[in-house]
């Protein structure tokens, strides 16, 4: 689950309502806006930087295709926090990681998440960083 840790400029990021794919969406899910719909990040879509703009869900909602889902845009000014759901070797400040809908996957070139602060590499360790 991704949560907003803080913004670099101290502002409160605005909530947007955008159309989503059908399914169960939870608070803290990481989504990518692709083909006009918010879609959960997966290895096939959104794990890298060039798949579309990333958003964090701020609502629990069961959506039909095209239903509006409240989200906050993620970017270089919004520092996110996430607990690792699996051990990630090599994670440290400055590392670039691929992402899934709920956590970081691996340290990899072309990833979407830059680590700013790391509490470790084990399951449950917190990472703070930005989506690029």
N, C-alpha and C. Protein backbone atom coordinates (compact mmCIF):
# COMPACT_ATOMS: atom_id res chain seq x y z
N UNK A 1 0.84 -1.18 0.00
CA UNK A 1 0.00 0.00 0.00
C UNK A 1 0.88 1.24 0.00
N UNK A 2 0.63 2.12 -0.91
CA UNK A 2 1.34 3.38 -0.99
C UNK A 2 0.56 4.45 -0.23
N UNK A 3 1.27 5.24 0.55
CA UNK A 3 0.62 6.36 1.24
C UNK A 3 1.45 7.62 1.01
N UNK A 4 0.79 8.75 1.10
CA UNK A 4 1.50 10.01 0.93
C UNK A 4 2.20 10.31 2.25
N UNK A 5 3.53 10.41 2.20
CA UNK A 5 4.32 10.74 3.39
C UNK A 5 4.33 12.25 3.59
N UNK A 6 4.67 12.98 2.54
CA UNK A 6 4.62 14.45 2.57
C UNK A 6 4.79 14.97 1.14
N UNK A 7 4.56 16.26 0.99
CA UNK A 7 4.86 16.91 -0.29
C UNK A 7 6.06 17.81 -0.06
N UNK A 8 6.87 17.94 -1.07
CA UNK A 8 8.11 18.72 -0.93
C UNK A 8 7.85 20.21 -0.74
N UNK A 9 6.72 20.69 -1.25
CA UNK A 9 6.42 22.12 -1.12
C UNK A 9 5.39 22.41 -0.03
N UNK A 10 4.98 21.38 0.72
CA UNK A 10 4.06 21.58 1.84
C UNK A 10 2.60 21.72 1.47
N UNK A 11 2.27 21.65 0.22
CA UNK A 11 0.87 21.81 -0.18
C UNK A 11 0.10 20.50 0.01
N UNK A 12 -1.19 20.60 0.09
CA UNK A 12 -2.04 19.42 0.13
C UNK A 12 -2.35 19.06 -1.32
N UNK A 13 -1.97 17.85 -1.77
CA UNK A 13 -2.23 17.51 -3.17
C UNK A 13 -3.73 17.37 -3.42
N UNK A 14 -4.19 17.87 -4.55
CA UNK A 14 -5.63 17.81 -4.84
C UNK A 14 -6.08 16.38 -5.16
N UNK A 15 -7.31 16.10 -4.80
CA UNK A 15 -7.94 14.83 -5.17
C UNK A 15 -8.62 15.02 -6.51
N UNK A 16 -8.39 14.07 -7.40
CA UNK A 16 -9.03 14.08 -8.71
C UNK A 16 -9.93 12.86 -8.80
N UNK A 17 -10.96 12.93 -9.59
CA UNK A 17 -11.82 11.77 -9.85
C UNK A 17 -11.68 11.42 -11.33
N UNK A 18 -11.13 10.24 -11.59
CA UNK A 18 -10.87 9.81 -12.96
C UNK A 18 -11.53 8.46 -13.22
N UNK A 19 -11.87 8.16 -14.47
CA UNK A 19 -12.49 6.87 -14.78
C UNK A 19 -11.52 5.72 -14.56
N UNK A 20 -12.04 4.62 -14.03
CA UNK A 20 -11.21 3.46 -13.70
C UNK A 20 -11.71 2.20 -14.39
N UNK A 21 -10.85 1.20 -14.47
CA UNK A 21 -11.25 -0.10 -14.97
C UNK A 21 -12.16 -0.76 -13.94
N UNK A 22 -12.91 -1.74 -14.35
CA UNK A 22 -13.78 -2.47 -13.44
C UNK A 22 -12.93 -3.26 -12.45
N UNK A 23 -13.41 -3.28 -11.19
CA UNK A 23 -12.71 -4.07 -10.18
C UNK A 23 -12.78 -3.43 -8.82
N UNK A 24 -12.17 -4.12 -7.85
CA UNK A 24 -12.10 -3.63 -6.48
C UNK A 24 -10.85 -2.78 -6.32
N UNK A 25 -11.02 -1.55 -5.93
CA UNK A 25 -9.89 -0.64 -5.73
C UNK A 25 -9.82 -0.30 -4.24
N UNK A 26 -8.60 -0.35 -3.69
CA UNK A 26 -8.39 -0.10 -2.27
C UNK A 26 -7.60 1.18 -2.07
N UNK A 27 -7.73 1.76 -0.89
CA UNK A 27 -6.92 2.91 -0.52
C UNK A 27 -5.46 2.50 -0.58
N UNK A 28 -4.64 3.32 -1.23
CA UNK A 28 -3.21 3.04 -1.33
C UNK A 28 -2.80 2.25 -2.55
N UNK A 29 -3.75 1.81 -3.37
CA UNK A 29 -3.39 1.13 -4.62
C UNK A 29 -2.70 2.10 -5.55
N UNK A 30 -1.67 1.63 -6.22
CA UNK A 30 -0.97 2.43 -7.21
C UNK A 30 -1.58 2.12 -8.57
N UNK A 31 -1.98 3.17 -9.29
CA UNK A 31 -2.66 3.03 -10.58
C UNK A 31 -1.92 3.84 -11.63
N UNK A 32 -2.09 3.47 -12.87
CA UNK A 32 -1.53 4.22 -13.98
C UNK A 32 -2.68 4.59 -14.92
N UNK A 33 -2.64 5.81 -15.45
CA UNK A 33 -3.69 6.26 -16.37
C UNK A 33 -3.28 5.87 -17.77
N UNK A 34 -3.99 4.91 -18.33
CA UNK A 34 -3.64 4.37 -19.64
C UNK A 34 -4.90 4.12 -20.44
N UNK A 35 -4.90 4.54 -21.69
CA UNK A 35 -6.05 4.36 -22.58
C UNK A 35 -7.33 4.93 -21.98
N UNK A 36 -7.20 6.05 -21.27
CA UNK A 36 -8.36 6.75 -20.73
C UNK A 36 -8.93 6.17 -19.46
N UNK A 37 -8.25 5.18 -18.84
CA UNK A 37 -8.75 4.57 -17.61
C UNK A 37 -7.62 4.37 -16.61
N UNK A 38 -7.93 4.54 -15.33
CA UNK A 38 -7.01 4.17 -14.27
C UNK A 38 -6.94 2.65 -14.21
N UNK A 39 -5.73 2.11 -14.25
CA UNK A 39 -5.52 0.67 -14.27
C UNK A 39 -4.49 0.32 -13.21
N UNK A 40 -4.73 -0.74 -12.42
CA UNK A 40 -3.73 -1.13 -11.42
C UNK A 40 -2.37 -1.40 -12.06
N UNK A 41 -1.32 -0.93 -11.41
CA UNK A 41 0.03 -1.17 -11.91
C UNK A 41 0.33 -2.66 -11.82
N UNK A 42 0.96 -3.17 -12.87
CA UNK A 42 1.37 -4.57 -12.92
C UNK A 42 2.71 -4.64 -13.64
N UNK A 43 3.26 -5.83 -13.72
CA UNK A 43 4.52 -6.01 -14.45
C UNK A 43 4.38 -5.61 -15.91
N UNK A 44 3.17 -5.74 -16.45
CA UNK A 44 2.93 -5.43 -17.86
C UNK A 44 2.63 -3.97 -18.11
N UNK A 45 2.15 -3.26 -17.10
CA UNK A 45 1.73 -1.87 -17.29
C UNK A 45 2.02 -1.04 -16.05
N UNK A 46 2.79 0.02 -16.22
CA UNK A 46 3.00 0.97 -15.14
C UNK A 46 4.21 0.72 -14.27
N UNK A 47 4.88 -0.42 -14.43
CA UNK A 47 6.05 -0.71 -13.59
C UNK A 47 7.24 0.16 -13.97
N UNK A 48 7.24 0.63 -15.21
CA UNK A 48 8.30 1.51 -15.69
C UNK A 48 7.82 2.94 -15.76
N UNK A 49 8.65 3.80 -16.33
CA UNK A 49 8.36 5.23 -16.31
C UNK A 49 7.55 5.74 -17.48
N UNK A 50 7.44 4.98 -18.55
CA UNK A 50 6.85 5.54 -19.77
C UNK A 50 5.46 4.98 -20.10
N UNK A 51 4.80 4.41 -19.11
CA UNK A 51 3.49 3.80 -19.36
C UNK A 51 2.32 4.73 -19.12
N UNK A 52 2.54 5.89 -18.56
CA UNK A 52 1.47 6.82 -18.25
C UNK A 52 1.67 7.42 -16.88
N UNK A 53 0.84 8.36 -16.54
CA UNK A 53 0.94 9.04 -15.25
C UNK A 53 0.42 8.15 -14.13
N UNK A 54 1.10 8.18 -12.98
CA UNK A 54 0.74 7.35 -11.84
C UNK A 54 -0.13 8.11 -10.85
N UNK A 55 -1.02 7.36 -10.19
CA UNK A 55 -1.93 7.91 -9.18
C UNK A 55 -2.04 6.94 -8.01
N UNK A 56 -2.40 7.48 -6.84
CA UNK A 56 -2.64 6.66 -5.65
C UNK A 56 -4.13 6.77 -5.32
N UNK A 57 -4.78 5.63 -5.16
CA UNK A 57 -6.21 5.63 -4.81
C UNK A 57 -6.39 6.13 -3.38
N UNK A 58 -7.41 6.96 -3.19
CA UNK A 58 -7.72 7.46 -1.85
C UNK A 58 -9.11 7.01 -1.41
N UNK A 59 -9.62 5.95 -2.04
CA UNK A 59 -10.95 5.43 -1.69
C UNK A 59 -11.01 3.93 -1.88
N UNK A 60 -11.85 3.30 -1.08
CA UNK A 60 -12.21 1.90 -1.27
C UNK A 60 -13.45 1.92 -2.16
N UNK A 61 -13.38 1.28 -3.32
CA UNK A 61 -14.52 1.36 -4.21
C UNK A 61 -14.53 0.17 -5.18
N UNK A 62 -15.71 -0.40 -5.36
CA UNK A 62 -15.91 -1.41 -6.40
C UNK A 62 -16.42 -0.65 -7.62
N UNK A 63 -15.65 -0.69 -8.69
CA UNK A 63 -15.98 0.09 -9.88
C UNK A 63 -16.46 -0.79 -11.02
N UNK A 64 -17.42 -0.27 -11.75
CA UNK A 64 -17.73 -0.78 -13.08
C UNK A 64 -16.83 0.00 -14.03
N UNK A 65 -16.56 -0.54 -15.20
CA UNK A 65 -15.70 0.14 -16.17
C UNK A 65 -16.17 1.58 -16.39
N UNK A 66 -15.26 2.54 -16.18
CA UNK A 66 -15.56 3.95 -16.40
C UNK A 66 -16.06 4.70 -15.18
N UNK A 67 -16.36 4.00 -14.07
CA UNK A 67 -16.75 4.70 -12.84
C UNK A 67 -15.61 5.59 -12.38
N UNK A 68 -15.97 6.72 -11.77
CA UNK A 68 -14.96 7.65 -11.29
C UNK A 68 -14.39 7.17 -9.96
N UNK A 69 -13.06 7.25 -9.84
CA UNK A 69 -12.36 6.83 -8.63
C UNK A 69 -11.53 8.01 -8.12
N UNK A 70 -11.68 8.37 -6.83
CA UNK A 70 -10.87 9.45 -6.26
C UNK A 70 -9.40 9.03 -6.11
N UNK A 71 -8.50 9.85 -6.64
CA UNK A 71 -7.07 9.56 -6.62
C UNK A 71 -6.28 10.85 -6.39
N UNK A 72 -5.01 10.67 -6.03
CA UNK A 72 -4.06 11.77 -5.93
C UNK A 72 -2.93 11.46 -6.91
N UNK A 73 -2.57 12.46 -7.70
CA UNK A 73 -1.49 12.28 -8.66
C UNK A 73 -0.16 12.11 -7.93
N UNK A 74 0.65 11.18 -8.39
CA UNK A 74 1.98 10.96 -7.84
C UNK A 74 2.99 11.55 -8.79
N UNK A 75 4.04 12.12 -8.25
CA UNK A 75 5.08 12.72 -9.07
C UNK A 75 6.26 13.10 -8.20
N UNK A 76 7.16 13.87 -8.75
CA UNK A 76 8.39 14.19 -8.03
C UNK A 76 8.19 15.07 -6.81
N UNK A 77 7.05 15.75 -6.69
CA UNK A 77 6.80 16.60 -5.53
C UNK A 77 6.07 15.87 -4.41
N UNK A 78 5.56 14.66 -4.67
CA UNK A 78 4.79 13.91 -3.68
C UNK A 78 5.65 12.72 -3.22
N UNK A 79 6.11 12.77 -1.96
CA UNK A 79 6.92 11.69 -1.41
C UNK A 79 5.97 10.62 -0.86
N UNK A 80 6.12 9.41 -1.39
CA UNK A 80 5.28 8.28 -0.99
C UNK A 80 6.04 7.37 -0.03
N UNK A 81 5.28 6.66 0.79
CA UNK A 81 5.85 5.66 1.69
C UNK A 81 5.19 4.33 1.39
N UNK A 82 5.99 3.27 1.40
CA UNK A 82 5.48 1.93 1.12
C UNK A 82 6.31 0.92 1.90
N UNK A 83 5.63 -0.09 2.44
CA UNK A 83 6.32 -1.19 3.11
C UNK A 83 6.59 -2.28 2.08
N UNK A 84 7.77 -2.87 2.15
CA UNK A 84 8.09 -3.95 1.23
C UNK A 84 7.24 -5.18 1.53
N UNK A 85 6.71 -5.79 0.49
CA UNK A 85 5.94 -7.03 0.66
C UNK A 85 6.80 -8.25 0.36
N UNK A 86 8.02 -8.01 -0.10
CA UNK A 86 9.02 -9.06 -0.29
C UNK A 86 10.38 -8.40 -0.14
N UNK A 87 11.40 -9.19 0.20
CA UNK A 87 12.75 -8.66 0.32
C UNK A 87 13.22 -8.16 -1.05
N UNK A 88 13.86 -6.99 -1.07
CA UNK A 88 14.36 -6.42 -2.32
C UNK A 88 15.84 -6.13 -2.13
N UNK A 89 16.68 -6.95 -2.73
CA UNK A 89 18.12 -6.80 -2.61
C UNK A 89 18.59 -5.53 -3.33
N UNK A 90 19.51 -4.82 -2.68
CA UNK A 90 20.12 -3.64 -3.30
C UNK A 90 19.35 -2.36 -3.12
N UNK A 91 18.24 -2.40 -2.39
CA UNK A 91 17.46 -1.18 -2.21
C UNK A 91 18.19 -0.26 -1.23
N UNK A 92 18.34 1.00 -1.62
CA UNK A 92 19.04 2.01 -0.82
C UNK A 92 18.68 3.37 -1.40
N UNK A 93 18.94 4.45 -0.65
CA UNK A 93 18.68 5.77 -1.21
C UNK A 93 19.36 5.94 -2.57
N UNK A 94 18.61 6.43 -3.53
CA UNK A 94 19.10 6.63 -4.88
C UNK A 94 18.77 5.49 -5.83
N UNK A 95 18.37 4.34 -5.29
CA UNK A 95 18.02 3.20 -6.14
C UNK A 95 16.73 3.49 -6.91
N UNK A 96 16.66 2.97 -8.11
CA UNK A 96 15.46 3.08 -8.93
C UNK A 96 14.82 1.70 -8.96
N UNK A 97 13.52 1.65 -8.66
CA UNK A 97 12.83 0.36 -8.53
C UNK A 97 11.61 0.29 -9.43
N UNK A 98 11.31 -0.93 -9.85
CA UNK A 98 10.02 -1.17 -10.50
C UNK A 98 8.97 -1.33 -9.40
N UNK A 99 7.73 -1.11 -9.76
CA UNK A 99 6.64 -1.11 -8.79
C UNK A 99 5.55 -2.09 -9.20
N UNK A 100 4.77 -2.48 -8.19
CA UNK A 100 3.54 -3.23 -8.45
C UNK A 100 2.42 -2.36 -7.92
N UNK A 101 1.22 -2.87 -7.90
CA UNK A 101 0.10 -2.07 -7.41
C UNK A 101 0.15 -1.78 -5.93
N UNK A 102 0.98 -2.55 -5.18
CA UNK A 102 0.98 -2.37 -3.73
C UNK A 102 2.36 -2.25 -3.10
N UNK A 103 3.44 -2.41 -3.86
CA UNK A 103 4.78 -2.33 -3.26
C UNK A 103 5.84 -2.18 -4.34
N UNK A 104 7.11 -2.24 -3.91
CA UNK A 104 8.24 -2.21 -4.83
C UNK A 104 8.60 -3.64 -5.20
N UNK A 105 9.03 -3.83 -6.42
CA UNK A 105 9.32 -5.18 -6.92
C UNK A 105 10.80 -5.49 -6.95
N UNK A 106 11.60 -4.62 -7.58
CA UNK A 106 13.01 -4.91 -7.77
C UNK A 106 13.77 -3.63 -8.08
N UNK A 107 15.06 -3.62 -7.77
CA UNK A 107 15.92 -2.53 -8.20
C UNK A 107 16.23 -2.80 -9.67
N UNK A 108 15.86 -1.85 -10.53
CA UNK A 108 16.02 -2.09 -11.96
C UNK A 108 16.08 -0.79 -12.73
N UNK A 109 16.94 -0.77 -13.72
CA UNK A 109 16.99 0.37 -14.62
C UNK A 109 15.64 0.50 -15.32
N UNK A 110 15.17 1.73 -15.45
CA UNK A 110 13.88 1.94 -16.11
C UNK A 110 12.70 1.83 -15.17
N UNK A 111 12.96 1.69 -13.88
CA UNK A 111 11.87 1.65 -12.90
C UNK A 111 11.21 3.00 -12.74
N UNK A 112 10.11 3.01 -12.02
CA UNK A 112 9.32 4.23 -11.88
C UNK A 112 9.48 4.91 -10.53
N UNK A 113 10.13 4.25 -9.55
CA UNK A 113 10.19 4.76 -8.18
C UNK A 113 11.65 4.98 -7.79
N UNK A 114 11.97 6.21 -7.37
CA UNK A 114 13.31 6.51 -6.86
C UNK A 114 13.26 6.56 -5.35
N UNK A 115 14.09 5.75 -4.70
CA UNK A 115 14.13 5.67 -3.24
C UNK A 115 14.90 6.87 -2.69
N UNK A 116 14.28 7.58 -1.75
CA UNK A 116 14.93 8.70 -1.07
C UNK A 116 15.43 8.28 0.31
N UNK A 117 14.69 7.41 0.97
CA UNK A 117 15.05 6.95 2.31
C UNK A 117 14.61 5.49 2.44
N UNK A 118 15.48 4.66 3.02
CA UNK A 118 15.19 3.24 3.15
C UNK A 118 15.44 2.79 4.58
N UNK A 119 14.49 2.02 5.13
CA UNK A 119 14.67 1.45 6.46
C UNK A 119 15.26 0.05 6.40
N UNK A 120 15.55 -0.49 5.21
CA UNK A 120 16.12 -1.82 5.07
C UNK A 120 15.60 -2.52 3.85
N UNK A 121 15.98 -3.80 3.70
CA UNK A 121 15.63 -4.56 2.50
C UNK A 121 14.68 -5.72 2.78
N UNK A 122 14.26 -5.89 4.02
CA UNK A 122 13.42 -7.04 4.40
C UNK A 122 11.93 -6.72 4.27
N UNK A 123 11.14 -7.78 4.29
CA UNK A 123 9.69 -7.63 4.27
C UNK A 123 9.25 -6.72 5.41
N UNK A 124 8.40 -5.74 5.11
CA UNK A 124 7.89 -4.81 6.11
C UNK A 124 8.71 -3.55 6.29
N UNK A 125 9.94 -3.53 5.78
CA UNK A 125 10.76 -2.32 5.90
C UNK A 125 10.16 -1.21 5.04
N UNK A 126 10.14 0.00 5.59
CA UNK A 126 9.54 1.14 4.90
C UNK A 126 10.53 1.79 3.95
N UNK A 127 9.98 2.23 2.81
CA UNK A 127 10.74 2.95 1.80
C UNK A 127 9.99 4.25 1.52
N UNK A 128 10.73 5.34 1.40
CA UNK A 128 10.14 6.60 1.02
C UNK A 128 10.80 7.06 -0.27
N UNK A 129 9.99 7.57 -1.19
CA UNK A 129 10.54 8.01 -2.46
C UNK A 129 9.50 8.64 -3.34
N UNK A 130 9.88 8.87 -4.57
CA UNK A 130 9.00 9.56 -5.52
C UNK A 130 8.86 8.74 -6.78
N UNK A 131 7.72 8.87 -7.42
CA UNK A 131 7.50 8.28 -8.74
C UNK A 131 7.98 9.28 -9.77
N UNK A 132 8.71 8.78 -10.75
CA UNK A 132 9.28 9.67 -11.77
C UNK A 132 8.64 9.44 -13.12
